Amino acid sequence: MDLALETRKPVETRADVLVLGRHVGDGRPPAEVLAVDRALDGLLSKVSASEKFEGKPGQLVYVHTGGKIPADRVLVVGLGPRRRERARGDAEAVRRAASAAVRRARDLGAATAAVFVPADGLSPRERAQAIVEGGLLGTYRFEKYLKEKNGKSVRTLTVLEPDRRGAAGAREGVRLGRIWAEATCVTRDLVNEPANVVTPSFLARRAGEIARAGDLKLRVMERAECAKLGMGAYVGVAQGSEEPPVMIAVRWDGGRPDGPRLALVGKGIT
């Protein structure tokens, strides 16, 4: 999926589906949402009322614009209740809303989707990152072994940040969101592969590809080295398989070799 950032207003945005976030109890919607509703002669508010849309998390309602604005459809997604004044916003609510909305846009056959979410205590960077993470993770599918694949996909996801002052932060959010979401999808792919594919040797090769791409340090220890280090339990468990064991260590110092350390440990057994 291609990602983009635009500083134009939602009412001016061209997309197959324009996504607008709404909170529970929005007595008066954000100006950007009101502008879209006015351009549609109040259709958005009328359909929302008839569908009993309240802004609850994951709630969805959409309308066809009939050419009154550049977007073909407008889809409103619920964000849940607003946070108290001066409280931190809820990035997870935005992430889940974007996930549900972009997934519905895909199912409607949209190739392009643009998303606007009101600030509600979140910075432009935080909002953009949550939108991208939600959109990418919400439309993830593992279809490698399917004979019949679902051909529908959102090819371009655009984050809308109408305030130009927030463009730099939003651009960074888009960049970070892609990194986190794509890394998560790599993990999902490994989990979804069958065990006869993801052997220790396979994991070692994949770790090597990741290390080379990210300029990381890699160390792969095989059976003899593990035994020499006294890893008896580890080597013992691996004796139950014809697949040889490997211990994979990937390191990144973040440009600070003397900085604080964090270790993440997992295991794969064949």
Protein backbone atom coordinates (compact mmCIF):
# COMPACT_ATOMS: atom_id res chain seq x y z
CA MET A 1 0.00 0.00 0.00
CA ASP A 2 1.29 3.45 -0.92
CA LEU A 3 1.10 6.12 1.78
CA ALA A 4 0.65 9.86 1.31
CA LEU A 5 0.15 13.02 3.35
CA GLU A 6 -1.97 15.94 2.17
CA THR A 7 -2.57 19.28 3.85
CA ARG A 8 -5.80 19.99 1.98
CA LYS A 9 -9.23 20.07 3.65
CA PRO A 10 -11.37 16.92 3.56
CA VAL A 11 -14.05 18.64 1.47
CA GLU A 12 -11.41 19.30 -1.21
CA THR A 13 -9.88 15.81 -1.18
CA ARG A 14 -10.13 13.44 -4.12
CA ALA A 15 -10.44 9.76 -3.15
CA ASP A 16 -12.66 6.75 -3.71
CA VAL A 17 -13.55 6.91 0.00
CA LEU A 18 -13.11 9.89 2.33
CA VAL A 19 -13.02 8.74 5.98
CA LEU A 20 -14.06 11.13 8.76
CA GLY A 21 -13.70 10.34 12.46
CA ARG A 22 -16.47 11.32 14.89
CA HIS A 23 -16.65 11.10 18.68
CA VAL A 24 -19.60 10.12 20.83
CA GLY A 25 -21.68 13.13 21.82
CA ASP A 26 -20.28 15.50 19.21
CA GLY A 27 -22.96 18.16 19.61
CA ARG A 28 -21.26 20.22 16.95
CA PRO A 29 -18.95 18.27 14.67
CA PRO A 30 -15.48 19.59 13.78
CA ALA A 31 -15.44 22.35 11.15
CA GLU A 32 -13.91 19.96 8.59
CA VAL A 33 -16.82 17.52 8.99
CA LEU A 34 -19.41 20.32 8.90
CA ALA A 35 -17.94 21.59 5.63
CA VAL A 36 -18.38 18.16 4.04
CA ASP A 37 -21.96 17.89 5.32
CA ARG A 38 -22.84 21.35 3.97
CA ALA A 39 -21.36 20.50 0.56
CA LEU A 40 -23.60 17.40 0.53
CA ASP A 41 -26.68 19.49 1.45
CA GLY A 42 -26.93 17.87 4.87
CA LEU A 43 -27.03 14.30 3.50
CA LEU A 44 -24.29 13.11 5.84
CA SER A 45 -26.10 14.21 8.99
CA LYS A 46 -29.43 12.88 7.70
CA VAL A 47 -28.06 9.42 6.94
CA SER A 48 -26.14 9.37 10.24
CA ALA A 49 -29.37 10.13 12.12
CA SER A 50 -31.40 7.53 10.21
CA GLU A 51 -28.70 4.87 10.84
CA LYS A 52 -28.55 5.89 14.51
CA PHE A 53 -24.84 6.65 14.25
CA GLU A 54 -23.58 7.75 17.67
CA GLY A 55 -19.81 7.72 17.23
CA LYS A 56 -19.27 4.52 19.20
CA PRO A 57 -15.95 2.73 18.57
CA GLY A 58 -15.95 0.99 15.20
CA GLN A 59 -19.43 2.23 14.22
CA LEU A 60 -19.62 2.99 10.49
CA VAL A 61 -21.95 4.82 8.13
CA TYR A 62 -21.32 5.95 4.56
CA VAL A 63 -22.96 7.92 1.74
CA HIS A 64 -22.40 8.42 -1.98
CA THR A 65 -21.54 12.02 -2.77
CA GLY A 66 -23.06 12.20 -6.24
CA GLY A 67 -20.18 14.33 -7.47
CA LYS A 68 -20.87 17.20 -5.03
CA ILE A 69 -17.33 16.88 -3.65
CA PRO A 70 -14.21 15.29 -5.22
CA ALA A 71 -14.50 12.10 -3.10
CA ASP A 72 -16.86 9.40 -4.42
CA ARG A 73 -18.02 8.25 -0.98
CA VAL A 74 -17.83 9.63 2.55
CA LEU A 75 -17.49 7.10 5.36
CA VAL A 76 -17.86 8.21 8.99
CA VAL A 77 -16.27 6.05 11.68
CA GLY A 78 -16.82 6.19 15.43
CA LEU A 79 -13.93 7.13 17.72
CA GLY A 80 -15.72 6.63 21.03
CA PRO A 81 -15.98 9.31 23.75
CA ARG A 82 -13.76 12.37 23.78
CA ARG A 83 -11.05 12.68 26.42
CA ARG A 84 -11.41 15.27 29.15
CA GLU A 85 -10.01 18.71 28.47
CA ARG A 86 -6.20 18.81 28.44
CA ALA A 87 -6.03 15.02 28.87
CA ARG A 88 -3.97 12.89 26.55
CA GLY A 89 -5.74 11.63 23.48
CA ASP A 90 -6.32 7.95 22.74
CA ALA A 91 -4.13 6.78 19.85
CA GLU A 92 -5.51 3.24 20.15
CA ALA A 93 -9.04 4.52 19.46
CA VAL A 94 -7.76 6.19 16.29
CA ARG A 95 -5.83 3.05 15.30
CA ARG A 96 -8.89 0.84 15.69
CA ALA A 97 -11.15 3.30 13.89
CA ALA A 98 -8.75 3.58 10.95
CA SER A 99 -8.49 -0.20 10.85
CA ALA A 100 -12.27 -0.64 10.62
CA ALA A 101 -12.74 2.21 8.15
CA VAL A 102 -9.98 1.30 5.68
CA ARG A 103 -11.06 -2.34 5.79
CA ARG A 104 -14.63 -1.30 4.91
CA ALA A 105 -13.30 0.98 2.15
CA ARG A 106 -11.43 -2.01 0.72
CA ASP A 107 -14.55 -4.18 0.86
CA LEU A 108 -16.46 -1.44 -0.99
CA GLY A 109 -13.93 -1.76 -3.79
CA ALA A 110 -12.03 1.46 -3.10
CA ALA A 111 -8.51 1.74 -4.47
CA THR A 112 -7.82 5.04 -2.68
CA ALA A 113 -8.83 6.18 0.80
CA ALA A 114 -8.16 9.46 2.63
CA VAL A 115 -8.56 9.75 6.41
CA PHE A 116 -9.21 12.77 8.63
CA VAL A 117 -9.34 12.46 12.42
CA PRO A 118 -9.85 15.45 14.79
CA ALA A 119 -7.01 16.18 17.20
CA ASP A 120 -8.63 15.46 20.61
CA GLY A 121 -5.37 15.77 22.52
CA LEU A 122 -3.19 13.94 20.00
CA SER A 123 -0.37 15.63 18.11
CA PRO A 124 -0.29 15.50 14.28
CA ARG A 125 2.49 12.91 14.51
CA GLU A 126 0.52 10.67 16.86
CA ARG A 127 -2.65 10.89 14.77
CA ALA A 128 -0.86 10.18 11.49
CA GLN A 129 1.04 7.25 12.98
CA ALA A 130 -2.15 5.71 14.43
CA ILE A 131 -4.01 6.14 11.11
CA VAL A 132 -1.24 4.45 9.12
CA GLU A 133 -0.84 1.61 11.62
CA GLY A 134 -4.58 1.01 11.69
CA GLY A 135 -4.94 1.12 7.92
CA LEU A 136 -2.06 -1.26 7.22
CA LEU A 137 -2.76 -3.71 10.03
CA GLY A 138 -6.52 -3.66 9.47
CA THR A 139 -6.19 -4.71 5.84
CA TYR A 140 -3.51 -7.36 6.39
CA ARG A 141 -4.25 -10.71 4.76
CA PHE A 142 -2.16 -13.89 4.47
CA GLU A 143 -3.14 -15.34 1.09
CA LYS A 144 0.05 -17.09 0.05
CA TYR A 145 -1.52 -20.56 -0.07
CA LEU A 146 -5.03 -19.60 -1.23
CA LYS A 147 -6.06 -20.70 -4.71
CA GLU A 148 -8.64 -17.93 -4.97
CA LYS A 149 -7.40 -14.59 -3.68
CA ASN A 150 -9.50 -11.56 -2.85
CA GLY A 151 -8.58 -9.05 -5.53
CA LYS A 152 -9.83 -6.02 -3.60
CA SER A 153 -7.18 -3.80 -2.05
CA VAL A 154 -6.67 -0.18 -1.07
CA ARG A 155 -3.64 0.83 -3.09
CA THR A 156 -3.17 4.32 -1.62
CA LEU A 157 -3.90 5.55 1.90
CA THR A 158 -3.72 9.32 2.42
CA VAL A 159 -3.51 11.00 5.83
CA LEU A 160 -5.18 14.42 5.89
CA GLU A 161 -3.64 17.17 8.04
CA PRO A 162 -5.41 20.41 7.05
CA ASP A 163 -3.23 22.56 9.33
CA ARG A 164 0.04 23.11 7.45
CA ARG A 165 1.80 23.78 10.75
CA GLY A 166 1.34 20.12 11.62
CA ALA A 167 2.60 18.78 8.28
CA ALA A 168 6.15 18.02 9.43
CA GLY A 169 4.95 16.11 12.49
CA ALA A 170 2.34 14.25 10.46
CA ARG A 171 4.93 13.28 7.86
CA GLU A 172 7.08 11.78 10.61
CA GLY A 173 4.02 9.95 11.93
CA VAL A 174 3.41 8.43 8.50
CA ARG A 175 7.04 7.27 8.38
CA LEU A 176 6.93 5.71 11.86
CA GLY A 177 3.52 4.16 11.26
CA ARG A 178 4.79 2.35 8.17
CA ILE A 179 7.82 1.00 10.07
CA TRP A 180 5.78 -0.34 13.00
CA ALA A 181 2.98 -1.76 10.84
CA GLU A 182 5.23 -3.42 8.26
CA ALA A 183 7.37 -4.95 11.02
CA THR A 184 4.21 -6.35 12.61
CA CYS A 185 3.12 -7.79 9.27
CA VAL A 186 6.50 -9.52 8.87
CA THR A 187 5.88 -11.20 12.22
CA ARG A 188 2.33 -12.13 11.20
CA ASP A 189 3.66 -13.74 8.02
CA LEU A 190 6.10 -15.86 10.03
CA VAL A 191 3.36 -16.92 12.45
CA ASN A 192 0.95 -17.80 9.63
CA GLU A 193 3.44 -19.96 7.73
CA PRO A 194 3.19 -23.71 8.51
CA ALA A 195 5.81 -25.30 10.76
CA ASN A 196 7.29 -27.35 7.93
CA VAL A 197 8.26 -24.06 6.27
CA VAL A 198 9.38 -21.97 9.24
CA THR A 199 12.17 -24.22 10.48
CA PRO A 200 15.11 -22.93 12.55
CA SER A 201 17.17 -22.68 9.37
CA PHE A 202 14.40 -20.70 7.66
CA LEU A 203 14.23 -18.30 10.62
CA ALA A 204 17.99 -17.84 10.50
CA ARG A 205 17.88 -16.96 6.80
CA ARG A 206 14.99 -14.54 7.36
CA ALA A 207 16.81 -12.95 10.28
CA GLY A 208 19.81 -12.46 8.00
CA GLU A 209 17.67 -10.66 5.41
CA ILE A 210 16.19 -8.40 8.10
CA ALA A 211 19.62 -7.68 9.59
CA ARG A 212 21.09 -6.74 6.22
CA ALA A 213 18.16 -4.49 5.37
CA GLY A 214 18.28 -2.70 8.72
CA ASP A 215 22.06 -2.58 9.22
CA LEU A 216 21.78 -4.79 12.31
CA LYS A 217 24.31 -7.13 13.88
CA LEU A 218 23.46 -10.82 13.52
CA ARG A 219 24.86 -13.89 15.24
CA VAL A 220 23.59 -17.39 14.50
CA MET A 221 24.78 -20.12 16.88
CA GLU A 222 24.38 -23.73 15.76
CA ARG A 223 24.18 -26.96 17.78
CA ALA A 224 27.90 -27.36 18.57
CA GLU A 225 28.31 -23.78 19.79
CA CYS A 226 25.14 -23.99 21.88
CA ALA A 227 26.37 -27.20 23.50
CA LYS A 228 29.76 -25.62 24.19
CA LEU A 229 28.00 -22.74 25.97
CA GLY A 230 26.27 -25.22 28.27
CA MET A 231 22.78 -24.83 26.76
CA GLY A 232 21.84 -28.40 27.61
CA ALA A 233 18.08 -27.92 27.87
CA TYR A 234 17.97 -26.08 24.57
CA VAL A 235 20.02 -28.71 22.74
CA GLY A 236 18.05 -31.49 24.43
CA VAL A 237 14.68 -30.24 23.21
CA ALA A 238 16.04 -29.94 19.67
CA GLN A 239 17.01 -33.63 19.68
CA GLY A 240 13.35 -34.43 19.11
CA SER A 241 13.56 -33.17 15.53
CA GLU A 242 15.65 -33.82 12.44
CA GLU A 243 15.85 -30.05 12.05
CA PRO A 244 19.08 -28.71 13.61
CA PRO A 245 18.64 -26.01 16.26
CA VAL A 246 19.93 -22.46 15.92
CA MET A 247 20.13 -19.62 18.42
CA ILE A 248 19.61 -16.30 16.62
CA ALA A 249 20.75 -13.01 18.12
CA VAL A 250 19.97 -9.71 16.37
CA ARG A 251 21.47 -6.56 17.88
CA TRP A 252 21.01 -2.84 17.28
CA ASP A 253 22.71 -0.18 19.35
CA GLY A 254 20.62 2.72 18.05
CA GLY A 255 23.75 4.76 17.60
CA ARG A 256 24.37 4.57 21.37
CA PRO A 257 26.57 1.56 22.23
CA ASP A 258 26.65 2.68 25.87
CA GLY A 259 22.91 3.36 26.13
CA PRO A 260 20.22 1.45 28.05
CA ARG A 261 19.60 -2.14 26.94
CA LEU A 262 16.38 -3.94 26.09
CA ALA A 263 16.25 -7.64 25.29
CA LEU A 264 13.33 -9.38 23.58
CA VAL A 265 13.43 -13.17 23.70
CA GLY A 266 11.30 -15.67 21.82
CA LYS A 267 11.60 -19.27 20.70
CA GLY A 268 10.70 -21.45 17.76
CA ILE A 269 10.76 -25.22 18.09
CA THR A 270 10.43 -27.80 15.34
